[in-house]
Amino acid sequence: MGSLIELTATAAYILKQANLGGHMSLYSLSSLYVERGGIQLLNKDRDQYFSAGPEVKYKINSDLSFILRGDYLFNSNENEIEDHLKDLFGNGLGQWKWTVGADILFF
């Protein structure tokens, strides 16, 4: 896999302690080459992938927040070999991926 560029945008509606919104990402690969047992399975010069999903962030206080985020990779099922490679940038075979996390601010 060649170089990877990721562009991400997030929009949210801010409530008292929660942010409700979504995000989208565009991934651009400079090259993608797969070989197994001396047989070339995939060879692309460039490729782009698009993912989007909902995001909820709940603020406990000014230093701690919890996040629930969903991702779906839209053009993921075009090629079975590519599906497995897309895990390299964290999207999980083009199916919904849910992430739970925390933001902790350290001074």
PDB file of N, CA and C in Angstrom:
ATOM      1  N   MET A   1       0.848  -1.163   0.000  1.00  0.00           N
ATOM      2  CA  MET A   1       0.000   0.000   0.000  1.00  0.00           C
ATOM      3  C   MET A   1       0.895   1.227   0.000  1.00  0.00           C
ATOM      4  N   GLY A   2       0.589   2.189  -0.854  1.00  0.00           N
ATOM      5  CA  GLY A   2       1.360   3.424  -0.919  1.00  0.00           C
ATOM      6  C   GLY A   2       0.920   4.400   0.151  1.00  0.00           C
ATOM      7  N   SER A   3       1.093   5.661  -0.112  1.00  0.00           N
ATOM      8  CA  SER A   3       0.731   6.679   0.880  1.00  0.00           C
ATOM      9  C   SER A   3      -0.783   6.800   0.991  1.00  0.00           C
ATOM     10  N   LEU A   4      -1.231   7.192   2.181  1.00  0.00           N
ATOM     11  CA  LEU A   4      -2.647   7.331   2.485  1.00  0.00           C
ATOM     12  C   LEU A   4      -2.897   8.744   2.985  1.00  0.00           C
ATOM     13  N   ILE A   5      -3.866   9.421   2.380  1.00  0.00           N
ATOM     14  CA  ILE A   5      -4.289  10.746   2.833  1.00  0.00           C
ATOM     15  C   ILE A   5      -5.726  10.628   3.307  1.00  0.00           C
ATOM     16  N   GLU A   6      -6.011  11.168   4.487  1.00  0.00           N
ATOM     17  CA  GLU A   6      -7.361  11.138   5.042  1.00  0.00           C
ATOM     18  C   GLU A   6      -7.840  12.562   5.282  1.00  0.00           C
ATOM     19  N   LEU A   7      -9.019  12.893   4.742  1.00  0.00           N
ATOM     20  CA  LEU A   7      -9.676  14.171   4.990  1.00  0.00           C
ATOM     21  C   LEU A   7     -10.943  13.885   5.771  1.00  0.00           C
ATOM     22  N   THR A   8     -11.110  14.531   6.930  1.00  0.00           N
ATOM     23  CA  THR A   8     -12.244  14.258   7.799  1.00  0.00           C
ATOM     24  C   THR A   8     -12.972  15.548   8.151  1.00  0.00           C
ATOM     25  N   ALA A   9     -14.307  15.493   8.166  1.00  0.00           N
ATOM     26  CA  ALA A   9     -15.132  16.628   8.581  1.00  0.00           C
ATOM     27  C   ALA A   9     -16.164  16.126   9.581  1.00  0.00           C
ATOM     28  N   THR A  10     -16.436  16.938  10.603  1.00  0.00           N
ATOM     29  CA  THR A  10     -17.414  16.596  11.627  1.00  0.00           C
ATOM     30  C   THR A  10     -18.342  17.783  11.837  1.00  0.00           C
ATOM     31  N   ALA A  11     -19.629  17.511  11.992  1.00  0.00           N
ATOM     32  CA  ALA A  11     -20.613  18.541  12.306  1.00  0.00           C
ATOM     33  C   ALA A  11     -21.451  18.043  13.472  1.00  0.00           C
ATOM     34  N   ALA A  12     -21.796  18.952  14.395  1.00  0.00           N
ATOM     35  CA  ALA A  12     -22.558  18.536  15.569  1.00  0.00           C
ATOM     36  C   ALA A  12     -23.472  19.646  16.046  1.00  0.00           C
ATOM     37  N   TYR A  13     -24.583  19.240  16.623  1.00  0.00           N
ATOM     38  CA  TYR A  13     -25.499  20.144  17.311  1.00  0.00           C
ATOM     39  C   TYR A  13     -25.156  20.059  18.793  1.00  0.00           C
ATOM     40  N   ILE A  14     -24.853  21.187  19.411  1.00  0.00           N
ATOM     41  CA  ILE A  14     -24.396  21.197  20.804  1.00  0.00           C
ATOM     42  C   ILE A  14     -25.574  21.440  21.739  1.00  0.00           C
ATOM     43  N   LEU A  15     -25.806  20.465  22.607  1.00  0.00           N
ATOM     44  CA  LEU A  15     -26.798  20.592  23.673  1.00  0.00           C
ATOM     45  C   LEU A  15     -26.046  20.940  24.957  1.00  0.00           C
ATOM     46  N   LYS A  16     -26.693  20.904  26.095  1.00  0.00           N
ATOM     47  CA  LYS A  16     -26.019  21.246  27.351  1.00  0.00           C
ATOM     48  C   LYS A  16     -24.782  20.395  27.599  1.00  0.00           C
ATOM     49  N   GLN A  17     -24.950  19.085  27.656  1.00  0.00           N
ATOM     50  CA  GLN A  17     -23.814  18.201  27.934  1.00  0.00           C
ATOM     51  C   GLN A  17     -23.511  17.237  26.812  1.00  0.00           C
ATOM     52  N   ALA A  18     -24.223  17.345  25.710  1.00  0.00           N
ATOM     53  CA  ALA A  18     -24.021  16.385  24.622  1.00  0.00           C
ATOM     54  C   ALA A  18     -23.871  17.093  23.280  1.00  0.00           C
ATOM     55  N   ASN A  19     -23.088  16.484  22.430  1.00  0.00           N
ATOM     56  CA  ASN A  19     -22.976  16.905  21.034  1.00  0.00           C
ATOM     57  C   ASN A  19     -23.553  15.788  20.176  1.00  0.00           C
ATOM     58  N   LEU A  20     -24.538  16.101  19.335  1.00  0.00           N
ATOM     59  CA  LEU A  20     -25.157  15.125  18.454  1.00  0.00           C
ATOM     60  C   LEU A  20     -24.829  15.512  17.021  1.00  0.00           C
ATOM     61  N   GLY A  21     -24.267  14.593  16.265  1.00  0.00           N
ATOM     62  CA  GLY A  21     -23.908  14.934  14.900  1.00  0.00           C
ATOM     63  C   GLY A  21     -23.409  13.750  14.107  1.00  0.00           C
ATOM     64  N   GLY A  22     -22.535  14.054  13.189  1.00  0.00           N
ATOM     65  CA  GLY A  22     -21.988  13.018  12.328  1.00  0.00           C
ATOM     66  C   GLY A  22     -20.637  13.437  11.789  1.00  0.00           C
ATOM     67  N   HIS A  23     -20.035  12.539  11.066  1.00  0.00           N
ATOM     68  CA  HIS A  23     -18.707  12.784  10.505  1.00  0.00           C
ATOM     69  C   HIS A  23     -18.604  12.072   9.172  1.00  0.00           C
ATOM     70  N   MET A  24     -17.661  12.521   8.347  1.00  0.00           N
ATOM     71  CA  MET A  24     -17.376  11.833   7.095  1.00  0.00           C
ATOM     72  C   MET A  24     -15.886  11.920   6.821  1.00  0.00           C
ATOM     73  N   SER A  25     -15.375  10.899   6.155  1.00  0.00           N
ATOM     74  CA  SER A  25     -13.951  10.834   5.833  1.00  0.00           C
ATOM     75  C   SER A  25     -13.776  10.382   4.397  1.00  0.00           C
ATOM     76  N   LEU A  26     -12.780  10.952   3.744  1.00  0.00           N
ATOM     77  CA  LEU A  26     -12.377  10.540   2.409  1.00  0.00           C
ATOM     78  C   LEU A  26     -10.945  10.061   2.512  1.00  0.00           C
ATOM     79  N   TYR A  27     -10.693   8.826   2.087  1.00  0.00           N
ATOM     80  CA  TYR A  27      -9.357   8.229   2.104  1.00  0.00           C
ATOM     81  C   TYR A  27      -8.873   8.132   0.665  1.00  0.00           C
ATOM     82  N   SER A  28      -7.666   8.586   0.411  1.00  0.00           N
ATOM     83  CA  SER A  28      -7.082   8.508  -0.920  1.00  0.00           C
ATOM     84  C   SER A  28      -5.758   7.747  -0.843  1.00  0.00           C
ATOM     85  N   LEU A  29      -5.668   6.661  -1.588  1.00  0.00           N
ATOM     86  CA  LEU A  29      -4.463   5.834  -1.624  1.00  0.00           C
ATOM     87  C   LEU A  29      -3.689   6.117  -2.907  1.00  0.00           C
ATOM     88  N   SER A  30      -2.362   6.217  -2.797  1.00  0.00           N
ATOM     89  CA  SER A  30      -1.552   6.456  -3.994  1.00  0.00           C
ATOM     90  C   SER A  30      -1.360   5.182  -4.809  1.00  0.00           C
ATOM     91  N   SER A  31      -1.326   4.023  -4.149  1.00  0.00           N
ATOM     92  CA  SER A  31      -1.206   2.754  -4.872  1.00  0.00           C
ATOM     93  C   SER A  31      -1.654   1.616  -3.968  1.00  0.00           C
ATOM     94  N   LEU A  32      -2.064   0.533  -4.604  1.00  0.00           N
ATOM     95  CA  LEU A  32      -2.522  -0.642  -3.869  1.00  0.00           C
ATOM     96  C   LEU A  32      -2.111  -1.866  -4.682  1.00  0.00           C
ATOM     97  N   TYR A  33      -1.240  -2.709  -4.120  1.00  0.00           N
ATOM     98  CA  TYR A  33      -0.721  -3.880  -4.818  1.00  0.00           C
ATOM     99  C   TYR A  33      -0.769  -5.069  -3.869  1.00  0.00           C
ATOM    100  N   VAL A  34      -1.360  -6.171  -4.324  1.00  0.00           N
ATOM    101  CA  VAL A  34      -1.461  -7.379  -3.508  1.00  0.00           C
ATOM    102  C   VAL A  34      -0.962  -8.567  -4.319  1.00  0.00           C
ATOM    103  N   GLU A  35      -0.076  -9.339  -3.708  1.00  0.00           N
ATOM    104  CA  GLU A  35       0.460 -10.545  -4.331  1.00  0.00           C
ATOM    105  C   GLU A  35       0.403 -11.673  -3.305  1.00  0.00           C
ATOM    106  N   ARG A  36      -0.042 -12.853  -3.740  1.00  0.00           N
ATOM    107  CA  ARG A  36      -0.077 -14.023  -2.856  1.00  0.00           C
ATOM    108  C   ARG A  36       0.495 -15.210  -3.615  1.00  0.00           C
ATOM    109  N   GLY A  37       1.557 -15.782  -3.073  1.00  0.00           N
ATOM    110  CA  GLY A  37       2.174 -16.945  -3.704  1.00  0.00           C
ATOM    111  C   GLY A  37       2.707 -16.669  -5.094  1.00  0.00           C
ATOM    112  N   GLY A  38       3.196 -15.449  -5.323  1.00  0.00           N
ATOM    113  CA  GLY A  38       3.735 -15.095  -6.626  1.00  0.00           C
ATOM    114  C   GLY A  38       2.682 -14.717  -7.651  1.00  0.00           C
ATOM    115  N   ILE A  39       1.409 -14.731  -7.269  1.00  0.00           N
ATOM    116  CA  ILE A  39       0.327 -14.383  -8.180  1.00  0.00           C
ATOM    117  C   ILE A  39      -0.197 -12.995  -7.819  1.00  0.00           C
ATOM    118  N   GLN A  40      -0.254 -12.111  -8.792  1.00  0.00           N
ATOM    119  CA  GLN A  40      -0.756 -10.758  -8.565  1.00  0.00           C
ATOM    120  C   GLN A  40      -2.277 -10.798  -8.457  1.00  0.00           C
ATOM    121  N   LEU A  41      -2.816 -10.367  -7.318  1.00  0.00           N
ATOM    122  CA  LEU A  41      -4.256 -10.368  -7.100  1.00  0.00           C
ATOM    123  C   LEU A  41      -4.882  -9.002  -7.343  1.00  0.00           C
ATOM    124  N   LEU A  42      -4.126  -7.939  -7.104  1.00  0.00           N
ATOM    125  CA  LEU A  42      -4.666  -6.591  -7.222  1.00  0.00           C
ATOM    126  C   LEU A  42      -3.533  -5.620  -7.496  1.00  0.00           C
ATOM    127  N   ASN A  43      -3.755  -4.707  -8.430  1.00  0.00           N
ATOM    128  CA  ASN A  43      -2.757  -3.687  -8.734  1.00  0.00           C
ATOM    129  C   ASN A  43      -3.487  -2.432  -9.199  1.00  0.00           C
ATOM    130  N   LYS A  44      -3.536  -1.419  -8.330  1.00  0.00           N
ATOM    131  CA  LYS A  44      -4.204  -0.157  -8.643  1.00  0.00           C
ATOM    132  C   LYS A  44      -3.222   0.988  -8.430  1.00  0.00           C
ATOM    133  N   ASP A  45      -3.260   1.965  -9.324  1.00  0.00           N
ATOM    134  CA  ASP A  45      -2.398   3.129  -9.158  1.00  0.00           C
ATOM    135  C   ASP A  45      -2.956   4.074  -8.095  1.00  0.00           C
ATOM    136  N   ARG A  46      -4.245   4.339  -8.115  1.00  0.00           N
ATOM    137  CA  ARG A  46      -4.884   5.233  -7.150  1.00  0.00           C
ATOM    138  C   ARG A  46      -6.261   4.679  -6.817  1.00  0.00           C
ATOM    139  N   ASP A  47      -6.740   5.022  -5.596  1.00  0.00           N
ATOM    140  CA  ASP A  47      -8.087   4.626  -5.212  1.00  0.00           C
ATOM    141  C   ASP A  47      -8.585   5.548  -4.107  1.00  0.00           C
ATOM    142  N   GLN A  48      -9.891   5.744  -4.048  1.00  0.00           N
ATOM    143  CA  GLN A  48     -10.498   6.559  -3.005  1.00  0.00           C
ATOM    144  C   GLN A  48     -11.631   5.788  -2.343  1.00  0.00           C
ATOM    145  N   TYR A  49     -11.797   6.030  -1.048  1.00  0.00           N
ATOM    146  CA  TYR A  49     -12.855   5.399  -0.267  1.00  0.00           C
ATOM    147  C   TYR A  49     -13.532   6.470   0.578  1.00  0.00           C
ATOM    148  N   PHE A  50     -14.835   6.332   0.775  1.00  0.00           N
ATOM    149  CA  PHE A  50     -15.617   7.315   1.513  1.00  0.00           C
ATOM    150  C   PHE A  50     -16.337   6.623   2.668  1.00  0.00           C
ATOM    151  N   SER A  51     -16.220   7.171   3.877  1.00  0.00           N
ATOM    152  CA  SER A  51     -16.953   6.638   5.020  1.00  0.00           C
ATOM    153  C   SER A  51     -17.669   7.776   5.742  1.00  0.00           C
ATOM    154  N   ALA A  52     -18.765   7.432   6.418  1.00  0.00           N
ATOM    155  CA  ALA A  52     -19.537   8.419   7.175  1.00  0.00           C
ATOM    156  C   ALA A  52     -20.320   7.692   8.253  1.00  0.00           C
ATOM    157  N   GLY A  53     -20.810   8.453   9.227  1.00  0.00           N
ATOM    158  CA  GLY A  53     -21.613   7.854  10.271  1.00  0.00           C
ATOM    159  C   GLY A  53     -21.975   8.851  11.362  1.00  0.00           C
ATOM    160  N   PRO A  54     -22.797   8.403  12.304  1.00  0.00           N
ATOM    161  CA  PRO A  54     -23.225   9.270  13.405  1.00  0.00           C
ATOM    162  C   PRO A  54     -22.167   9.356  14.505  1.00  0.00           C
ATOM    163  N   GLU A  55     -22.267  10.415  15.314  1.00  0.00           N
ATOM    164  CA  GLU A  55     -21.349  10.591  16.437  1.00  0.00           C
ATOM    165  C   GLU A  55     -22.088  11.295  17.575  1.00  0.00           C
ATOM    166  N   VAL A  56     -21.975  10.744  18.767  1.00  0.00           N
ATOM    167  CA  VAL A  56     -22.556  11.345  19.976  1.00  0.00           C
ATOM    168  C   VAL A  56     -21.442  11.491  20.999  1.00  0.00           C
ATOM    169  N   LYS A  57     -21.313  12.694  21.532  1.00  0.00           N
ATOM    170  CA  LYS A  57     -20.299  12.962  22.553  1.00  0.00           C
ATOM    171  C   LYS A  57     -20.997  13.523  23.783  1.00  0.00           C
ATOM    172  N   TYR A  58     -20.779  12.881  24.934  1.00  0.00           N
ATOM    173  CA  TYR A  58     -21.411  13.302  26.193  1.00  0.00           C
ATOM    174  C   TYR A  58     -20.331  13.799  27.151  1.00  0.00           C
ATOM    175  N   LYS A  59     -20.467  15.053  27.576  1.00  0.00           N
ATOM    176  CA  LYS A  59     -19.479  15.663  28.468  1.00  0.00           C
ATOM    177  C   LYS A  59     -19.862  15.437  29.927  1.00  0.00           C
ATOM    178  N   ILE A  60     -18.994  14.762  30.666  1.00  0.00           N
ATOM    179  CA  ILE A  60     -19.190  14.566  32.106  1.00  0.00           C
ATOM    180  C   ILE A  60     -18.819  15.848  32.840  1.00  0.00           C
ATOM    181  N   ASN A  61     -17.648  16.396  32.520  1.00  0.00           N
ATOM    182  CA  ASN A  61     -17.193  17.679  33.041  1.00  0.00           C
ATOM    183  C   ASN A  61     -16.232  18.274  32.013  1.00  0.00           C
ATOM    184  N   SER A  62     -15.525  19.340  32.365  1.00  0.00           N
ATOM    185  CA  SER A  62     -14.649  19.993  31.390  1.00  0.00           C
ATOM    186  C   SER A  62     -13.439  19.138  31.002  1.00  0.00           C
ATOM    187  N   ASP A  63     -13.131  18.099  31.788  1.00  0.00           N
ATOM    188  CA  ASP A  63     -11.958  17.260  31.531  1.00  0.00           C
ATOM    189  C   ASP A  63     -12.281  15.879  30.970  1.00  0.00           C
ATOM    190  N   LEU A  64     -13.538  15.444  30.996  1.00  0.00           N
ATOM    191  CA  LEU A  64     -13.893  14.068  30.627  1.00  0.00           C
ATOM    192  C   LEU A  64     -15.137  14.031  29.749  1.00  0.00           C
ATOM    193  N   SER A  65     -15.024  13.322  28.614  1.00  0.00           N
ATOM    194  CA  SER A  65     -16.149  13.117  27.702  1.00  0.00           C
ATOM    195  C   SER A  65     -16.141  11.670  27.213  1.00  0.00           C
ATOM    196  N   PHE A  66     -17.337  11.147  26.955  1.00  0.00           N
ATOM    197  CA  PHE A  66     -17.479   9.818  26.356  1.00  0.00           C
ATOM    198  C   PHE A  66     -18.045   9.969  24.952  1.00  0.00           C
ATOM    199  N   ILE A  67     -17.589   9.101  24.040  1.00  0.00           N
ATOM    200  CA  ILE A  67     -17.968   9.215  22.632  1.00  0.00           C
ATOM    201  C   ILE A  67     -18.470   7.873  22.114  1.00  0.00           C
ATOM    202  N   LEU A  68     -19.565   7.905  21.352  1.00  0.00           N
ATOM    203  CA  LEU A  68     -20.064   6.758  20.598  1.00  0.00           C
ATOM    204  C   LEU A  68     -20.074   7.187  19.137  1.00  0.00           C
ATOM    205  N   ARG A  69     -19.366   6.420  18.306  1.00  0.00           N
ATOM    206  CA  ARG A  69     -19.198   6.797  16.902  1.00  0.00           C
ATOM    207  C   ARG A  69     -19.428   5.595  16.009  1.00  0.00           C
ATOM    208  N   GLY A  70     -20.173   5.790  14.943  1.00  0.00           N
ATOM    209  CA  GLY A  70     -20.400   4.739  13.957  1.00  0.00           C
ATOM    210  C   GLY A  70     -19.730   5.092  12.645  1.00  0.00           C
ATOM    211  N   ASP A  71     -19.192   4.086  11.956  1.00  0.00           N
ATOM    212  CA  ASP A  71     -18.554   4.280  10.653  1.00  0.00           C
ATOM    213  C   ASP A  71     -19.107   3.264   9.667  1.00  0.00           C
ATOM    214  N   TYR A  72     -19.366   3.713   8.451  1.00  0.00           N
ATOM    215  CA  TYR A  72     -19.714   2.799   7.374  1.00  0.00           C
ATOM    216  C   TYR A  72     -18.902   3.180   6.148  1.00  0.00           C
ATOM    217  N   LEU A  73     -18.198   2.236   5.581  1.00  0.00           N
ATOM    218  CA  LEU A  73     -17.392   2.471   4.381  1.00  0.00           C
ATOM    219  C   LEU A  73     -18.266   2.141   3.171  1.00  0.00           C
ATOM    220  N   PHE A  74     -18.641   3.161   2.393  1.00  0.00           N
ATOM    221  CA  PHE A  74     -19.664   3.002   1.364  1.00  0.00           C
ATOM    222  C   PHE A  74     -19.235   2.172   0.160  1.00  0.00           C
ATOM    223  N   ASN A  75     -18.049   2.363  -0.361  1.00  0.00           N
ATOM    224  CA  ASN A  75     -17.637   1.617  -1.552  1.00  0.00           C
ATOM    225  C   ASN A  75     -16.703   0.476  -1.180  1.00  0.00           C
ATOM    226  N   SER A  76     -17.139  -0.345  -0.246  1.00  0.00           N
ATOM    227  CA  SER A  76     -16.246  -1.364   0.308  1.00  0.00           C
ATOM    228  C   SER A  76     -16.402  -2.740  -0.292  1.00  0.00           C
ATOM    229  N   ASN A  77     -17.511  -3.044  -0.887  1.00  0.00           N
ATOM    230  CA  ASN A  77     -17.766  -4.417  -1.326  1.00  0.00           C
ATOM    231  C   ASN A  77     -17.521  -4.629  -2.808  1.00  0.00           C
ATOM    232  N   GLU A  78     -16.705  -3.768  -3.415  1.00  0.00           N
ATOM    233  CA  GLU A  78     -16.434  -3.910  -4.838  1.00  0.00           C
ATOM    234  C   GLU A  78     -15.499  -5.074  -5.144  1.00  0.00           C
ATOM    235  N   ASN A  79     -14.621  -5.414  -4.194  1.00  0.00           N
ATOM    236  CA  ASN A  79     -13.633  -6.462  -4.415  1.00  0.00           C
ATOM    237  C   ASN A  79     -13.301  -7.086  -3.061  1.00  0.00           C
ATOM    238  N   GLU A  80     -13.424  -8.404  -2.953  1.00  0.00           N
ATOM    239  CA  GLU A  80     -13.201  -9.098  -1.677  1.00  0.00           C
ATOM    240  C   GLU A  80     -11.793  -8.869  -1.128  1.00  0.00           C
ATOM    241  N   ILE A  81     -10.799  -8.814  -1.980  1.00  0.00           N
ATOM    242  CA  ILE A  81      -9.419  -8.600  -1.539  1.00  0.00           C
ATOM    243  C   ILE A  81      -9.282  -7.218  -0.916  1.00  0.00           C
ATOM    244  N   GLU A  82      -9.905  -6.207  -1.545  1.00  0.00           N
ATOM    245  CA  GLU A  82      -9.840  -4.853  -1.016  1.00  0.00           C
ATOM    246  C   GLU A  82     -10.537  -4.749   0.337  1.00  0.00           C
ATOM    247  N   ASP A  83     -11.614  -5.502   0.531  1.00  0.00           N
ATOM    248  CA  ASP A  83     -12.325  -5.480   1.814  1.00  0.00           C
ATOM    249  C   ASP A  83     -11.374  -5.743   2.974  1.00  0.00           C
ATOM    250  N   HIS A  84     -10.521  -6.742   2.840  1.00  0.00           N
ATOM    251  CA  HIS A  84      -9.600  -7.086   3.919  1.00  0.00           C
ATOM    252  C   HIS A  84      -8.518  -6.031   4.095  1.00  0.00           C
ATOM    253  N   LEU A  85      -8.078  -5.404   3.018  1.00  0.00           N
ATOM    254  CA  LEU A  85      -7.045  -4.380   3.100  1.00  0.00           C
ATOM    255  C   LEU A  85      -7.556  -3.096   3.742  1.00  0.00           C
ATOM    256  N   LYS A  86      -8.832  -2.820   3.637  1.00  0.00           N
ATOM    257  CA  LYS A  86      -9.388  -1.589   4.185  1.00  0.00           C
ATOM    258  C   LYS A  86      -9.356  -1.561   5.703  1.00  0.00           C
ATOM    259  N   ASP A  87      -9.141  -2.708   6.315  1.00  0.00           N
ATOM    260  CA  ASP A  87      -8.941  -2.723   7.767  1.00  0.00           C
ATOM    261  C   ASP A  87      -7.681  -1.952   8.159  1.00  0.00           C
ATOM    262  N   LEU A  88      -6.754  -1.773   7.229  1.00  0.00           N
ATOM    263  CA  LEU A  88      -5.523  -1.040   7.527  1.00  0.00           C
ATOM    264  C   LEU A  88      -5.801   0.397   7.922  1.00  0.00           C
ATOM    265  N   PHE A  89      -6.888   0.992   7.413  1.00  0.00           N
ATOM    266  CA  PHE A  89      -7.228   2.325   7.868  1.00  0.00           C
ATOM    267  C   PHE A  89      -8.487   2.339   8.726  1.00  0.00           C
ATOM    268  N   GLY A  90      -8.770   1.206   9.365  1.00  0.00           N
ATOM    269  CA  GLY A  90      -9.703   1.166  10.481  1.00  0.00           C
ATOM    270  C   GLY A  90     -11.182   1.138  10.207  1.00  0.00           C
ATOM    271  N   ASN A  91     -11.620   0.683   9.053  1.00  0.00           N
ATOM    272  CA  ASN A  91     -13.046   0.728   8.786  1.00  0.00           C
ATOM    273  C   ASN A  91     -13.764  -0.607   8.840  1.00  0.00           C
ATOM    274  N   GLY A  92     -13.086  -1.685   8.972  1.00  0.00           N
ATOM    275  CA  GLY A  92     -13.724  -2.963   9.249  1.00  0.00           C
ATOM    276  C   GLY A  92     -14.569  -3.556   8.151  1.00  0.00           C
ATOM    277  N   LEU A  93     -13.996  -3.919   7.058  1.00  0.00           N
ATOM    278  CA  LEU A  93     -14.642  -4.702   6.000  1.00  0.00           C
ATOM    279  C   LEU A  93     -15.894  -4.069   5.422  1.00  0.00           C
ATOM    280  N   GLY A  94     -16.050  -2.777   5.555  1.00  0.00           N
ATOM    281  CA  GLY A  94     -17.157  -2.087   4.930  1.00  0.00           C
ATOM    282  C   GLY A  94     -18.486  -2.243   5.628  1.00  0.00           C
ATOM    283  N   GLN A  95     -18.520  -2.946   6.714  1.00  0.00           N
ATOM    284  CA  GLN A  95     -19.739  -3.055   7.479  1.00  0.00           C
ATOM    285  C   GLN A  95     -19.712  -1.972   8.547  1.00  0.00           C
ATOM    286  N   TRP A  96     -20.801  -1.804   9.234  1.00  0.00           N
ATOM    287  CA  TRP A  96     -20.832  -0.821  10.313  1.00  0.00           C
ATOM    288  C   TRP A  96     -19.805  -1.176  11.364  1.00  0.00           C
ATOM    289  N   LYS A  97     -19.098  -0.173  11.798  1.00  0.00           N
ATOM    290  CA  LYS A  97     -18.159  -0.329  12.898  1.00  0.00           C
ATOM    291  C   LYS A  97     -18.552   0.689  13.957  1.00  0.00           C
ATOM    292  N   TRP A  98     -18.724   0.245  15.178  1.00  0.00           N
ATOM    293  CA  TRP A  98     -19.065   1.139  16.282  1.00  0.00           C
ATOM    294  C   TRP A  98     -17.872   1.258  17.209  1.00  0.00           C
ATOM    295  N   THR A  99     -17.579   2.481  17.616  1.00  0.00           N
ATOM    296  CA  THR A  99     -16.453   2.758  18.491  1.00  0.00           C
ATOM    297  C   THR A  99     -16.955   3.491  19.722  1.00  0.00           C
ATOM    298  N   VAL A 100     -16.505   3.037  20.876  1.00  0.00           N
ATOM    299  CA  VAL A 100     -16.787   3.726  22.133  1.00  0.00           C
ATOM    300  C   VAL A 100     -15.455   4.215  22.672  1.00  0.00           C
ATOM    301  N   GLY A 101     -15.402   5.483  23.066  1.00  0.00           N
ATOM    302  CA  GLY A 101     -14.137   6.027  23.537  1.00  0.00           C
ATOM    303  C   GLY A 101     -14.335   7.089  24.591  1.00  0.00           C
ATOM    304  N   ALA A 102     -13.238   7.584  25.091  1.00  0.00           N
ATOM    305  CA  ALA A 102     -13.260   8.647  26.095  1.00  0.00           C
ATOM    306  C   ALA A 102     -12.203   9.684  25.737  1.00  0.00           C
ATOM    307  N   ASP A 103     -12.541  10.938  25.966  1.00  0.00           N
ATOM    308  CA  ASP A 103     -11.593  12.037  25.853  1.00  0.00           C
ATOM    309  C   ASP A 103     -11.258  12.503  27.259  1.00  0.00           C
ATOM    310  N   ILE A 104      -9.986  12.477  27.600  1.00  0.00           N
ATOM    311  CA  ILE A 104      -9.535  12.926  28.926  1.00  0.00           C
ATOM    312  C   ILE A 104      -8.526  14.049  28.717  1.00  0.00           C
ATOM    313  N   LEU A 105      -8.782  15.188  29.329  1.00  0.00           N
ATOM    314  CA  LEU A 105      -7.899  16.327  29.209  1.00  0.00           C
ATOM    315  C   LEU A 105      -6.922  16.333  30.390  1.00  0.00           C
ATOM    316  N   PHE A 106      -5.631  16.269  30.065  1.00  0.00           N
ATOM    317  CA  PHE A 106      -4.586  16.347  31.082  1.00  0.00           C
ATOM    318  C   PHE A 106      -3.924  17.718  30.995  1.00  0.00           C
ATOM    319  N   PHE A 107      -3.644  18.297  32.125  1.00  0.00           N
ATOM    320  CA  PHE A 107      -2.994  19.615  32.140  1.00  0.00           C
ATOM    321  C   PHE A 107      -1.502  19.476  32.284  1.00  0.00           C
TER     322      PHE A 107
END
